[in-house]
Amino acid sequence: MTAKAIGQQYKLLTPEERFRLILAASGRGDDAECERLVQASDRITLRMPDYSPYSHALQDVTLMIFIELLTETGRYLESMALADQEFLPKGEDPAVYDDDEPETSELEFANERRLQMGLASGYVLRTKAEGWKQFCERWSIPPFLLWQDLPGYDRFQAALKLTDHAAFTEDGFLRWLNRVRPADHPVIPEVPVTVAGTADGVEEFFQARIEWWSGGKNR
């Protein structure tokens, strides 16, 4: 039986059966089969409030940012935990930092090089969280309202609180980047991760999702 003949039978399937087959086809990378299943599906009429594209877009963005911040949380806490262990790979130089670095002057850790990496991760976590807050302020959105019941929220908050005491400042982060960059790379002139840049990135993503939920037209 040809693929076309098989595709003609897809209309006889229930929506659930087609849905299962679409997932299976997507999982094995069979785009043609997936498209045939989609085309065999009937269309339904759906009525929603006119602000629904914004609501759905916000749910998309909120979940994606939360996942990103949880990833940064894990990286930060892991780095800080490693910094407190007596472990130094063979040949690694622990003195890749300034003794008077403000962020490290009052901290005592077993591995100071790993501490620097932890402080850098802390800067990124705090900056991205502040960027999310700044985006939320633009839209009058309570920044953490939709996260409070999600797994990992308490861990994120604990890590964010820790960055108040153990994280680079923007200037310190830039100095660290230039200390650890390869010798043949040019000096990094400005910090690549900023609050304003993060907020703008979230805004761009949000607008793209609004357009998608609006059927390709941002009204």
N, C-alpha and C. Protein backbone atom coordinates (compact mmCIF):
# COMPACT_ATOMS: atom_id res chain seq x y z
N MET A 1 0.85 -1.20 0.00
CA MET A 1 0.00 0.00 0.00
C MET A 1 0.89 1.25 0.00
N THR A 2 0.54 2.22 -0.83
CA THR A 2 1.35 3.43 -0.93
C THR A 2 1.11 4.34 0.27
N ALA A 3 2.06 5.29 0.43
CA ALA A 3 1.92 6.26 1.53
C ALA A 3 0.66 7.09 1.37
N LYS A 4 0.31 7.41 0.10
CA LYS A 4 -0.90 8.20 -0.15
C LYS A 4 -2.14 7.43 0.26
N ALA A 5 -2.17 6.14 -0.06
CA ALA A 5 -3.32 5.31 0.32
C ALA A 5 -3.45 5.19 1.82
N ILE A 6 -2.29 5.04 2.49
CA ILE A 6 -2.32 4.96 3.95
C ILE A 6 -2.81 6.28 4.54
N GLY A 7 -2.33 7.39 3.97
CA GLY A 7 -2.73 8.70 4.46
C GLY A 7 -4.22 8.93 4.37
N GLN A 8 -4.86 8.34 3.36
CA GLN A 8 -6.31 8.50 3.21
C GLN A 8 -7.08 7.82 4.33
N GLN A 9 -6.44 6.86 4.98
CA GLN A 9 -7.10 6.16 6.08
C GLN A 9 -6.99 6.92 7.40
N TYR A 10 -6.12 7.93 7.42
CA TYR A 10 -5.90 8.65 8.67
C TYR A 10 -7.14 9.41 9.14
N LYS A 11 -8.04 9.75 8.20
CA LYS A 11 -9.26 10.45 8.58
C LYS A 11 -10.19 9.57 9.41
N LEU A 12 -9.98 8.25 9.33
CA LEU A 12 -10.82 7.32 10.08
C LEU A 12 -10.38 7.19 11.53
N LEU A 13 -9.21 7.73 11.84
CA LEU A 13 -8.70 7.64 13.20
C LEU A 13 -9.37 8.67 14.11
N THR A 14 -9.34 8.40 15.41
CA THR A 14 -9.84 9.38 16.37
C THR A 14 -8.77 10.45 16.56
N PRO A 15 -9.15 11.63 17.08
CA PRO A 15 -8.14 12.67 17.35
C PRO A 15 -7.02 12.16 18.26
N GLU A 16 -7.36 11.36 19.26
CA GLU A 16 -6.32 10.85 20.16
C GLU A 16 -5.36 9.94 19.41
N GLU A 17 -5.90 9.10 18.53
CA GLU A 17 -5.04 8.18 17.77
C GLU A 17 -4.10 8.96 16.85
N ARG A 18 -4.63 10.00 16.20
CA ARG A 18 -3.77 10.81 15.34
C ARG A 18 -2.70 11.52 16.17
N PHE A 19 -3.10 12.00 17.33
CA PHE A 19 -2.16 12.70 18.22
C PHE A 19 -1.00 11.78 18.61
N ARG A 20 -1.33 10.56 18.96
CA ARG A 20 -0.29 9.59 19.35
C ARG A 20 0.65 9.31 18.17
N LEU A 21 0.06 9.16 16.98
CA LEU A 21 0.88 8.88 15.80
C LEU A 21 1.75 10.08 15.42
N ILE A 22 1.22 11.30 15.61
CA ILE A 22 2.01 12.51 15.33
C ILE A 22 3.23 12.56 16.24
N LEU A 23 3.03 12.25 17.52
CA LEU A 23 4.16 12.24 18.46
C LEU A 23 5.19 11.19 18.06
N ALA A 24 4.69 10.02 17.67
CA ALA A 24 5.61 8.95 17.28
C ALA A 24 6.40 9.33 16.03
N ALA A 25 5.71 9.93 15.05
CA ALA A 25 6.38 10.34 13.81
C ALA A 25 7.41 11.45 14.09
N SER A 26 7.05 12.37 14.97
CA SER A 26 7.98 13.45 15.32
C SER A 26 9.21 12.89 16.02
N GLY A 27 8.97 11.88 16.89
CA GLY A 27 10.07 11.28 17.63
C GLY A 27 11.09 10.60 16.75
N ARG A 28 10.65 10.04 15.64
CA ARG A 28 11.60 9.36 14.74
C ARG A 28 12.02 10.26 13.57
N GLY A 29 11.59 11.54 13.61
CA GLY A 29 12.02 12.49 12.59
C GLY A 29 11.34 12.33 11.26
N ASP A 30 10.16 11.73 11.23
CA ASP A 30 9.43 11.50 9.97
C ASP A 30 8.49 12.68 9.73
N ASP A 31 9.04 13.75 9.17
CA ASP A 31 8.25 14.97 8.96
C ASP A 31 7.12 14.76 7.96
N ALA A 32 7.36 13.96 6.93
CA ALA A 32 6.33 13.73 5.91
C ALA A 32 5.13 13.02 6.52
N GLU A 33 5.39 12.01 7.33
CA GLU A 33 4.30 11.28 7.98
C GLU A 33 3.54 12.20 8.94
N CYS A 34 4.30 13.00 9.66
CA CYS A 34 3.69 13.95 10.60
C CYS A 34 2.76 14.90 9.85
N GLU A 35 3.20 15.42 8.71
CA GLU A 35 2.39 16.36 7.93
C GLU A 35 1.13 15.69 7.40
N ARG A 36 1.22 14.43 6.97
CA ARG A 36 0.03 13.72 6.48
C ARG A 36 -1.00 13.55 7.59
N LEU A 37 -0.54 13.27 8.77
CA LEU A 37 -1.45 13.12 9.91
C LEU A 37 -2.11 14.45 10.25
N VAL A 38 -1.34 15.51 10.20
CA VAL A 38 -1.89 16.84 10.50
C VAL A 38 -2.94 17.22 9.46
N GLN A 39 -2.65 16.99 8.19
CA GLN A 39 -3.58 17.35 7.13
C GLN A 39 -4.85 16.51 7.17
N ALA A 40 -4.78 15.32 7.73
CA ALA A 40 -5.96 14.46 7.82
C ALA A 40 -6.88 14.84 8.96
N SER A 41 -6.43 15.75 9.78
CA SER A 41 -7.22 16.13 10.96
C SER A 41 -8.27 17.17 10.60
N ASP A 42 -9.44 17.05 11.25
CA ASP A 42 -10.48 18.06 11.08
C ASP A 42 -10.11 19.32 11.85
N ARG A 43 -10.78 20.39 11.56
CA ARG A 43 -10.54 21.66 12.24
C ARG A 43 -11.69 21.93 13.21
N ILE A 44 -11.35 22.56 14.34
CA ILE A 44 -12.37 22.93 15.30
C ILE A 44 -12.39 24.45 15.43
N THR A 45 -13.52 25.00 15.81
CA THR A 45 -13.65 26.44 16.01
C THR A 45 -13.50 26.74 17.49
N LEU A 46 -12.64 27.67 17.79
CA LEU A 46 -12.35 28.01 19.18
C LEU A 46 -12.52 29.51 19.38
N ARG A 47 -13.26 29.88 20.40
CA ARG A 47 -13.47 31.29 20.72
C ARG A 47 -12.75 31.60 22.03
N MET A 48 -11.97 32.69 22.01
CA MET A 48 -11.21 33.09 23.20
C MET A 48 -11.32 34.59 23.37
N PRO A 49 -11.09 35.09 24.57
CA PRO A 49 -11.01 36.55 24.74
C PRO A 49 -9.89 37.13 23.90
N ASP A 50 -10.02 38.39 23.51
CA ASP A 50 -9.04 38.97 22.60
C ASP A 50 -7.66 39.13 23.21
N TYR A 51 -7.55 39.06 24.55
CA TYR A 51 -6.24 39.17 25.18
C TYR A 51 -5.55 37.81 25.32
N SER A 52 -6.20 36.74 24.87
CA SER A 52 -5.67 35.39 25.06
C SER A 52 -4.26 35.19 24.48
N PRO A 53 -3.94 35.76 23.30
CA PRO A 53 -2.57 35.60 22.81
C PRO A 53 -1.52 36.10 23.80
N TYR A 54 -1.84 37.17 24.51
CA TYR A 54 -0.91 37.69 25.52
C TYR A 54 -0.80 36.74 26.70
N SER A 55 -1.94 36.21 27.11
CA SER A 55 -1.96 35.29 28.25
C SER A 55 -1.18 34.02 27.95
N HIS A 56 -1.43 33.44 26.77
CA HIS A 56 -0.72 32.22 26.40
C HIS A 56 0.77 32.49 26.21
N ALA A 57 1.09 33.63 25.62
CA ALA A 57 2.50 33.98 25.42
C ALA A 57 3.21 34.13 26.76
N LEU A 58 2.54 34.72 27.73
CA LEU A 58 3.14 34.90 29.04
C LEU A 58 3.41 33.55 29.71
N GLN A 59 2.49 32.62 29.56
CA GLN A 59 2.70 31.28 30.13
C GLN A 59 3.93 30.63 29.49
N ASP A 60 4.07 30.77 28.18
CA ASP A 60 5.24 30.21 27.49
C ASP A 60 6.53 30.82 28.03
N VAL A 61 6.56 32.14 28.08
CA VAL A 61 7.76 32.85 28.49
C VAL A 61 8.10 32.56 29.95
N THR A 62 7.07 32.57 30.80
CA THR A 62 7.28 32.33 32.22
C THR A 62 7.92 30.97 32.47
N LEU A 63 7.42 29.96 31.80
CA LEU A 63 7.98 28.62 32.00
C LEU A 63 9.41 28.52 31.47
N MET A 64 9.67 29.09 30.31
CA MET A 64 11.01 29.02 29.73
C MET A 64 12.03 29.76 30.60
N ILE A 65 11.67 30.92 31.11
CA ILE A 65 12.59 31.68 31.96
C ILE A 65 12.83 30.95 33.27
N PHE A 66 11.78 30.34 33.82
CA PHE A 66 11.95 29.60 35.07
C PHE A 66 12.91 28.43 34.87
N ILE A 67 12.78 27.71 33.77
CA ILE A 67 13.69 26.60 33.48
C ILE A 67 15.12 27.12 33.35
N GLU A 68 15.28 28.25 32.66
CA GLU A 68 16.62 28.83 32.50
C GLU A 68 17.22 29.22 33.85
N LEU A 69 16.41 29.83 34.71
CA LEU A 69 16.92 30.24 36.02
C LEU A 69 17.20 29.05 36.92
N LEU A 70 16.43 27.98 36.78
CA LEU A 70 16.73 26.77 37.54
C LEU A 70 18.05 26.17 37.09
N THR A 71 18.32 26.23 35.79
CA THR A 71 19.60 25.75 35.27
C THR A 71 20.75 26.56 35.86
N GLU A 72 20.59 27.89 35.89
CA GLU A 72 21.63 28.75 36.46
C GLU A 72 21.76 28.50 37.96
N THR A 73 20.65 28.21 38.63
CA THR A 73 20.68 27.90 40.05
C THR A 73 21.52 26.66 40.31
N GLY A 74 21.29 25.61 39.53
CA GLY A 74 22.05 24.38 39.70
C GLY A 74 23.53 24.60 39.45
N ARG A 75 23.85 25.38 38.41
CA ARG A 75 25.25 25.65 38.08
C ARG A 75 25.92 26.43 39.22
N TYR A 76 25.22 27.39 39.77
CA TYR A 76 25.77 28.22 40.85
C TYR A 76 26.01 27.40 42.10
N LEU A 77 24.99 26.66 42.55
CA LEU A 77 25.12 25.90 43.79
C LEU A 77 26.18 24.80 43.65
N GLU A 78 26.25 24.20 42.48
CA GLU A 78 27.27 23.17 42.27
C GLU A 78 28.67 23.79 42.32
N SER A 79 28.84 24.95 41.71
CA SER A 79 30.14 25.62 41.72
C SER A 79 30.56 26.00 43.13
N MET A 80 29.62 26.51 43.91
CA MET A 80 29.94 26.90 45.28
C MET A 80 30.26 25.68 46.14
N ALA A 81 29.57 24.57 45.90
CA ALA A 81 29.85 23.35 46.65
C ALA A 81 31.25 22.82 46.31
N LEU A 82 31.62 22.85 45.03
CA LEU A 82 32.95 22.39 44.62
C LEU A 82 34.04 23.29 45.18
N ALA A 83 33.72 24.57 45.32
CA ALA A 83 34.71 25.51 45.84
C ALA A 83 35.04 25.22 47.29
N ASP A 84 34.17 24.53 47.98
CA ASP A 84 34.38 24.22 49.40
C ASP A 84 35.01 22.85 49.60
N GLN A 85 35.49 22.23 48.51
CA GLN A 85 36.13 20.92 48.60
C GLN A 85 37.62 21.03 48.37
N GLU A 86 38.38 20.20 49.06
CA GLU A 86 39.83 20.18 48.88
C GLU A 86 40.17 19.36 47.64
N PHE A 87 40.05 19.99 46.49
CA PHE A 87 40.32 19.28 45.23
C PHE A 87 40.89 20.26 44.23
N LEU A 88 42.03 19.91 43.65
CA LEU A 88 42.63 20.76 42.62
C LEU A 88 43.26 19.85 41.58
N PRO A 89 42.73 19.85 40.35
CA PRO A 89 43.28 19.00 39.30
C PRO A 89 44.78 19.26 39.10
N LYS A 90 45.50 18.25 38.71
CA LYS A 90 46.93 18.35 38.49
C LYS A 90 47.26 19.45 37.47
N GLY A 91 48.15 20.34 37.86
CA GLY A 91 48.57 21.38 36.95
C GLY A 91 47.71 22.63 36.99
N GLU A 92 46.64 22.62 37.77
CA GLU A 92 45.76 23.79 37.80
C GLU A 92 46.33 24.82 38.76
N ASP A 93 46.35 26.06 38.35
CA ASP A 93 46.90 27.14 39.16
C ASP A 93 45.79 27.79 39.97
N PRO A 94 45.86 27.73 41.30
CA PRO A 94 44.79 28.32 42.11
C PRO A 94 44.82 29.84 42.16
N ALA A 95 45.91 30.46 41.74
CA ALA A 95 46.05 31.90 41.92
C ALA A 95 45.63 32.69 40.70
N VAL A 96 44.48 32.37 40.14
CA VAL A 96 43.98 33.13 39.00
C VAL A 96 42.93 34.13 39.52
N TYR A 97 43.31 34.94 40.47
CA TYR A 97 42.39 35.92 41.04
C TYR A 97 43.22 37.00 41.73
N ASP A 98 42.57 38.09 42.08
CA ASP A 98 43.25 39.16 42.80
C ASP A 98 42.98 39.00 44.30
N ASP A 99 44.02 39.13 45.11
CA ASP A 99 43.84 38.99 46.55
C ASP A 99 42.86 40.02 47.10
N ASP A 100 42.84 41.22 46.50
CA ASP A 100 41.93 42.26 47.01
C ASP A 100 40.61 42.33 46.29
N GLU A 101 40.22 41.29 45.56
CA GLU A 101 38.91 41.28 44.90
C GLU A 101 37.83 41.46 45.97
N PRO A 102 37.00 42.51 45.88
CA PRO A 102 36.01 42.78 46.93
C PRO A 102 35.11 41.58 47.23
N GLU A 103 34.75 40.84 46.21
CA GLU A 103 33.81 39.75 46.43
C GLU A 103 34.43 38.56 47.16
N THR A 104 35.77 38.47 47.19
CA THR A 104 36.40 37.30 47.80
C THR A 104 37.16 37.63 49.08
N SER A 105 37.28 38.90 49.40
CA SER A 105 38.12 39.30 50.51
C SER A 105 37.66 38.73 51.85
N GLU A 106 36.35 38.50 52.02
CA GLU A 106 35.84 38.02 53.31
C GLU A 106 35.30 36.59 53.22
N LEU A 107 35.57 35.90 52.10
CA LEU A 107 35.10 34.53 51.93
C LEU A 107 36.25 33.55 52.10
N GLU A 108 35.98 32.45 52.78
CA GLU A 108 36.99 31.42 52.97
C GLU A 108 36.51 30.12 52.37
N PHE A 109 37.16 29.69 51.32
CA PHE A 109 36.81 28.44 50.65
C PHE A 109 38.09 27.65 50.39
N ALA A 110 37.95 26.34 50.30
CA ALA A 110 39.11 25.48 50.11
C ALA A 110 39.76 25.70 48.75
N ASN A 111 38.96 25.96 47.74
CA ASN A 111 39.48 26.07 46.37
C ASN A 111 39.09 27.42 45.81
N GLU A 112 40.02 28.35 45.81
CA GLU A 112 39.68 29.73 45.47
C GLU A 112 39.43 29.92 43.98
N ARG A 113 40.05 29.10 43.15
CA ARG A 113 39.77 29.20 41.71
C ARG A 113 38.34 28.79 41.43
N ARG A 114 37.91 27.72 42.05
CA ARG A 114 36.52 27.29 41.86
C ARG A 114 35.55 28.29 42.49
N LEU A 115 36.01 28.95 43.55
CA LEU A 115 35.19 30.00 44.14
C LEU A 115 34.93 31.10 43.13
N GLN A 116 35.95 31.46 42.36
CA GLN A 116 35.78 32.49 41.33
C GLN A 116 34.71 32.08 40.33
N MET A 117 34.72 30.80 39.94
CA MET A 117 33.71 30.31 39.01
C MET A 117 32.32 30.37 39.64
N GLY A 118 32.25 30.07 40.94
CA GLY A 118 30.97 30.15 41.63
C GLY A 118 30.46 31.58 41.69
N LEU A 119 31.35 32.52 41.96
CA LEU A 119 30.94 33.93 42.02
C LEU A 119 30.48 34.42 40.66
N ALA A 120 31.12 33.91 39.61
CA ALA A 120 30.70 34.27 38.25
C ALA A 120 29.30 33.72 37.96
N SER A 121 29.07 32.47 38.37
CA SER A 121 27.73 31.88 38.18
C SER A 121 26.69 32.63 38.99
N GLY A 122 27.09 33.08 40.17
CA GLY A 122 26.16 33.85 41.00
C GLY A 122 25.78 35.16 40.35
N TYR A 123 26.78 35.81 39.71
CA TYR A 123 26.48 37.05 38.99
C TYR A 123 25.46 36.81 37.88
N VAL A 124 25.67 35.74 37.11
CA VAL A 124 24.77 35.44 35.99
C VAL A 124 23.36 35.15 36.50
N LEU A 125 23.27 34.35 37.57
CA LEU A 125 21.94 34.03 38.13
C LEU A 125 21.23 35.30 38.59
N ARG A 126 21.92 36.11 39.38
CA ARG A 126 21.30 37.32 39.92
C ARG A 126 20.92 38.30 38.80
N THR A 127 21.79 38.43 37.80
CA THR A 127 21.54 39.37 36.71
C THR A 127 20.33 38.93 35.89
N LYS A 128 20.25 37.64 35.58
CA LYS A 128 19.10 37.15 34.81
C LYS A 128 17.80 37.27 35.61
N ALA A 129 17.88 37.04 36.91
CA ALA A 129 16.68 37.21 37.75
C ALA A 129 16.25 38.67 37.78
N GLU A 130 17.21 39.58 37.90
CA GLU A 130 16.89 41.01 37.90
C GLU A 130 16.37 41.45 36.53
N GLY A 131 16.90 40.86 35.47
CA GLY A 131 16.39 41.17 34.13
C GLY A 131 14.95 40.72 33.97
N TRP A 132 14.63 39.55 34.52
CA TRP A 132 13.25 39.07 34.49
C TRP A 132 12.34 40.02 35.26
N LYS A 133 12.80 40.49 36.42
CA LYS A 133 12.00 41.43 37.21
C LYS A 133 11.77 42.73 36.43
N GLN A 134 12.81 43.18 35.74
CA GLN A 134 12.68 44.43 34.98
C GLN A 134 11.66 44.26 33.86
N PHE A 135 11.70 43.13 33.17
CA PHE A 135 10.69 42.85 32.15
C PHE A 135 9.29 42.85 32.77
N CYS A 136 9.15 42.21 33.91
CA CYS A 136 7.84 42.13 34.56
C CYS A 136 7.32 43.50 34.97
N GLU A 137 8.22 44.38 35.38
CA GLU A 137 7.81 45.74 35.74
C GLU A 137 7.21 46.47 34.55
N ARG A 138 7.74 46.21 33.36
CA ARG A 138 7.21 46.87 32.15
C ARG A 138 5.75 46.48 31.90
N TRP A 139 5.39 45.26 32.29
CA TRP A 139 4.04 44.75 32.02
C TRP A 139 3.19 44.64 33.28
N SER A 140 3.69 45.17 34.39
CA SER A 140 2.95 45.11 35.67
C SER A 140 2.63 43.66 36.06
N ILE A 141 3.61 42.79 35.91
CA ILE A 141 3.45 41.37 36.22
C ILE A 141 4.16 41.06 37.54
N PRO A 142 3.50 40.43 38.51
CA PRO A 142 4.21 39.95 39.70
C PRO A 142 5.25 38.91 39.27
N PRO A 143 6.54 39.15 39.43
CA PRO A 143 7.57 38.33 38.79
C PRO A 143 7.58 36.85 39.16
N PHE A 144 7.24 36.53 40.41
CA PHE A 144 7.36 35.14 40.86
C PHE A 144 6.01 34.47 41.11
N LEU A 145 4.92 35.14 40.77
CA LEU A 145 3.59 34.64 41.10
C LEU A 145 3.33 33.26 40.51
N LEU A 146 3.68 33.05 39.25
CA LEU A 146 3.36 31.79 38.58
C LEU A 146 4.37 30.68 38.88
N TRP A 147 5.40 30.99 39.64
CA TRP A 147 6.44 29.99 39.93
C TRP A 147 6.30 29.36 41.31
N GLN A 148 5.53 29.97 42.18
CA GLN A 148 5.58 29.61 43.59
C GLN A 148 5.20 28.16 43.88
N ASP A 149 4.39 27.55 43.04
CA ASP A 149 3.99 26.16 43.26
C ASP A 149 4.77 25.18 42.40
N LEU A 150 5.76 25.66 41.67
CA LEU A 150 6.53 24.79 40.78
C LEU A 150 7.71 24.15 41.53
N PRO A 151 8.07 22.90 41.18
CA PRO A 151 9.23 22.26 41.79
C PRO A 151 10.50 23.07 41.52
N GLY A 152 11.31 23.26 42.55
CA GLY A 152 12.56 23.98 42.38
C GLY A 152 12.49 25.45 42.77
N TYR A 153 11.28 25.96 43.03
CA TYR A 153 11.15 27.38 43.34
C TYR A 153 11.90 27.75 44.63
N ASP A 154 11.76 26.94 45.68
CA ASP A 154 12.43 27.23 46.95
C ASP A 154 13.95 27.19 46.78
N ARG A 155 14.42 26.26 45.98
CA ARG A 155 15.86 26.15 45.72
C ARG A 155 16.36 27.39 44.98
N PHE A 156 15.58 27.85 44.02
CA PHE A 156 15.93 29.07 43.29
C PHE A 156 16.00 30.26 44.22
N GLN A 157 15.01 30.41 45.09
CA GLN A 157 14.99 31.55 46.01
C GLN A 157 16.16 31.51 46.98
N ALA A 158 16.50 30.31 47.45
CA ALA A 158 17.63 30.18 48.37
C ALA A 158 18.93 30.57 47.68
N ALA A 159 19.10 30.13 46.44
CA ALA A 159 20.31 30.47 45.69
C ALA A 159 20.36 31.96 45.40
N LEU A 160 19.22 32.54 45.07
CA LEU A 160 19.18 33.98 44.77
C LEU A 160 19.55 34.79 46.01
N LYS A 161 19.11 34.34 47.16
CA LYS A 161 19.45 35.03 48.41
C LYS A 161 20.95 34.92 48.68
N LEU A 162 21.53 33.77 48.34
CA LEU A 162 22.96 33.57 48.56
C LEU A 162 23.80 34.51 47.70
N THR A 163 23.29 34.87 46.52
CA THR A 163 24.05 35.78 45.65
C THR A 163 24.23 37.16 46.27
N ASP A 164 23.43 37.49 47.27
CA ASP A 164 23.61 38.78 47.96
C ASP A 164 24.96 38.83 48.67
N HIS A 165 25.48 37.66 49.03
CA HIS A 165 26.73 37.61 49.79
C HIS A 165 27.87 36.96 49.01
N ALA A 166 27.56 36.19 47.97
CA ALA A 166 28.60 35.46 47.25
C ALA A 166 28.33 35.50 45.75
N ALA A 167 28.67 36.61 45.13
CA ALA A 167 28.53 36.77 43.68
C ALA A 167 29.34 37.98 43.25
N PHE A 168 29.88 37.93 42.04
CA PHE A 168 30.60 39.08 41.52
C PHE A 168 29.66 40.26 41.31
N THR A 169 30.21 41.45 41.43
CA THR A 169 29.53 42.63 40.92
C THR A 169 29.75 42.65 39.41
N GLU A 170 29.13 43.59 38.71
CA GLU A 170 29.32 43.68 37.26
C GLU A 170 30.79 43.93 36.93
N ASP A 171 31.43 44.85 37.67
CA ASP A 171 32.84 45.14 37.41
C ASP A 171 33.72 43.93 37.72
N GLY A 172 33.40 43.25 38.82
CA GLY A 172 34.17 42.08 39.19
C GLY A 172 34.03 40.96 38.17
N PHE A 173 32.83 40.80 37.64
CA PHE A 173 32.59 39.77 36.64
C PHE A 173 33.40 40.06 35.37
N LEU A 174 33.45 41.33 34.97
CA LEU A 174 34.21 41.70 33.78
C LEU A 174 35.70 41.46 34.00
N ARG A 175 36.20 41.81 35.18
CA ARG A 175 37.61 41.57 35.48
C ARG A 175 37.92 40.07 35.42
N TRP A 176 37.01 39.27 35.96
CA TRP A 176 37.21 37.82 35.96
C TRP A 176 37.22 37.27 34.54
N LEU A 177 36.29 37.74 33.71
CA LEU A 177 36.26 37.28 32.32
C LEU A 177 37.59 37.56 31.62
N ASN A 178 38.15 38.73 31.87
CA ASN A 178 39.41 39.08 31.20
C ASN A 178 40.61 38.35 31.80
N ARG A 179 40.51 37.93 33.05
CA ARG A 179 41.60 37.15 33.64
C ARG A 179 41.63 35.73 33.09
N VAL A 180 40.45 35.16 32.84
CA VAL A 180 40.41 33.75 32.43
C VAL A 180 40.33 33.58 30.91
N ARG A 181 40.20 34.65 30.15
CA ARG A 181 40.14 34.52 28.70
C ARG A 181 41.48 34.00 28.17
N PRO A 182 41.48 33.26 27.06
CA PRO A 182 42.74 32.81 26.45
C PRO A 182 43.65 33.99 26.13
N ALA A 183 44.94 33.78 26.25
CA ALA A 183 45.90 34.87 26.08
C ALA A 183 45.84 35.49 24.69
N ASP A 184 45.44 34.69 23.69
CA ASP A 184 45.42 35.22 22.32
C ASP A 184 44.07 35.84 21.96
N HIS A 185 43.16 35.93 22.91
CA HIS A 185 41.86 36.55 22.66
C HIS A 185 41.92 38.03 23.06
N PRO A 186 41.20 38.88 22.33
CA PRO A 186 41.20 40.30 22.69
C PRO A 186 40.52 40.56 24.02
N VAL A 187 40.83 41.68 24.61
CA VAL A 187 40.22 42.07 25.88
C VAL A 187 38.70 42.23 25.69
N ILE A 188 37.95 41.73 26.64
CA ILE A 188 36.49 41.85 26.60
C ILE A 188 36.12 43.24 27.12
N PRO A 189 35.54 44.11 26.31
CA PRO A 189 35.34 45.50 26.71
C PRO A 189 34.14 45.73 27.64
N GLU A 190 33.14 44.87 27.54
CA GLU A 190 31.94 45.08 28.36
C GLU A 190 31.32 43.74 28.75
N VAL A 191 30.55 43.78 29.79
CA VAL A 191 29.91 42.56 30.32
C VAL A 191 28.87 42.05 29.32
N PRO A 192 28.92 40.75 28.96
CA PRO A 192 27.96 40.22 27.99
C PRO A 192 26.58 39.94 28.56
N VAL A 193 26.48 39.84 29.87
CA VAL A 193 25.18 39.55 30.51
C VAL A 193 24.83 40.71 31.42
N THR A 194 23.77 41.44 31.07
CA THR A 194 23.33 42.59 31.86
C THR A 194 21.85 42.49 32.16
N VAL A 195 21.42 43.26 33.14
CA VAL A 195 20.01 43.29 33.50
C VAL A 195 19.16 43.79 32.34
N ALA A 196 19.56 44.93 31.77
CA ALA A 196 18.79 45.51 30.67
C ALA A 196 18.78 44.60 29.45
N GLY A 197 19.93 43.99 29.14
CA GLY A 197 19.99 43.09 28.00
C GLY A 197 19.11 41.87 28.19
N THR A 198 19.09 41.35 29.41
CA THR A 198 18.22 40.20 29.71
C THR A 198 16.76 40.59 29.55
N ALA A 199 16.38 41.74 30.09
CA ALA A 199 14.99 42.19 29.99
C ALA A 199 14.58 42.38 28.54
N ASP A 200 15.46 42.94 27.74
CA ASP A 200 15.16 43.13 26.32
C ASP A 200 15.01 41.79 25.59
N GLY A 201 15.85 40.82 25.97
CA GLY A 201 15.76 39.50 25.36
C GLY A 201 14.45 38.81 25.68
N VAL A 202 14.00 38.95 26.93
CA VAL A 202 12.71 38.37 27.32
C VAL A 202 11.58 39.06 26.57
N GLU A 203 11.68 40.38 26.43
CA GLU A 203 10.65 41.14 25.71
C GLU A 203 10.55 40.67 24.26
N GLU A 204 11.68 40.45 23.63
CA GLU A 204 11.69 39.99 22.24
C GLU A 204 11.03 38.61 22.11
N PHE A 205 11.35 37.73 23.04
CA PHE A 205 10.75 36.40 23.05
C PHE A 205 9.25 36.48 23.28
N PHE A 206 8.84 37.34 24.21
CA PHE A 206 7.42 37.53 24.53
C PHE A 206 6.65 38.02 23.31
N GLN A 207 7.20 39.00 22.61
CA GLN A 207 6.53 39.54 21.43
C GLN A 207 6.40 38.48 20.33
N ALA A 208 7.43 37.64 20.21
CA ALA A 208 7.38 36.57 19.21
C ALA A 208 6.28 35.57 19.54
N ARG A 209 6.11 35.26 20.82
CA ARG A 209 5.07 34.31 21.21
C ARG A 209 3.67 34.94 21.07
N ILE A 210 3.56 36.23 21.32
CA ILE A 210 2.27 36.91 21.11
C ILE A 210 1.89 36.81 19.64
N GLU A 211 2.86 37.06 18.76
CA GLU A 211 2.61 36.98 17.33
C GLU A 211 2.19 35.56 16.93
N TRP A 212 2.86 34.58 17.49
CA TRP A 212 2.54 33.18 17.17
C TRP A 212 1.13 32.84 17.62
N TRP A 213 0.77 33.21 18.84
CA TRP A 213 -0.58 32.91 19.35
C TRP A 213 -1.66 33.75 18.66
N SER A 214 -1.25 34.83 18.02
CA SER A 214 -2.21 35.66 17.28
C SER A 214 -2.39 35.16 15.85
N GLY A 215 -1.82 34.02 15.53
CA GLY A 215 -1.96 33.48 14.18
C GLY A 215 -0.98 34.09 13.21
N GLY A 216 0.16 34.59 13.73
CA GLY A 216 1.16 35.16 12.84
C GLY A 216 1.05 36.65 12.69
N LYS A 217 0.12 37.26 13.40
CA LYS A 217 -0.05 38.71 13.32
C LYS A 217 -0.16 39.28 14.71
N ASN A 218 0.79 40.12 15.07
CA ASN A 218 0.78 40.76 16.38
C ASN A 218 -0.13 41.98 16.34
N ARG A 219 -1.26 41.86 17.00
CA ARG A 219 -2.24 42.95 16.92
C ARG A 219 -2.02 43.96 18.03
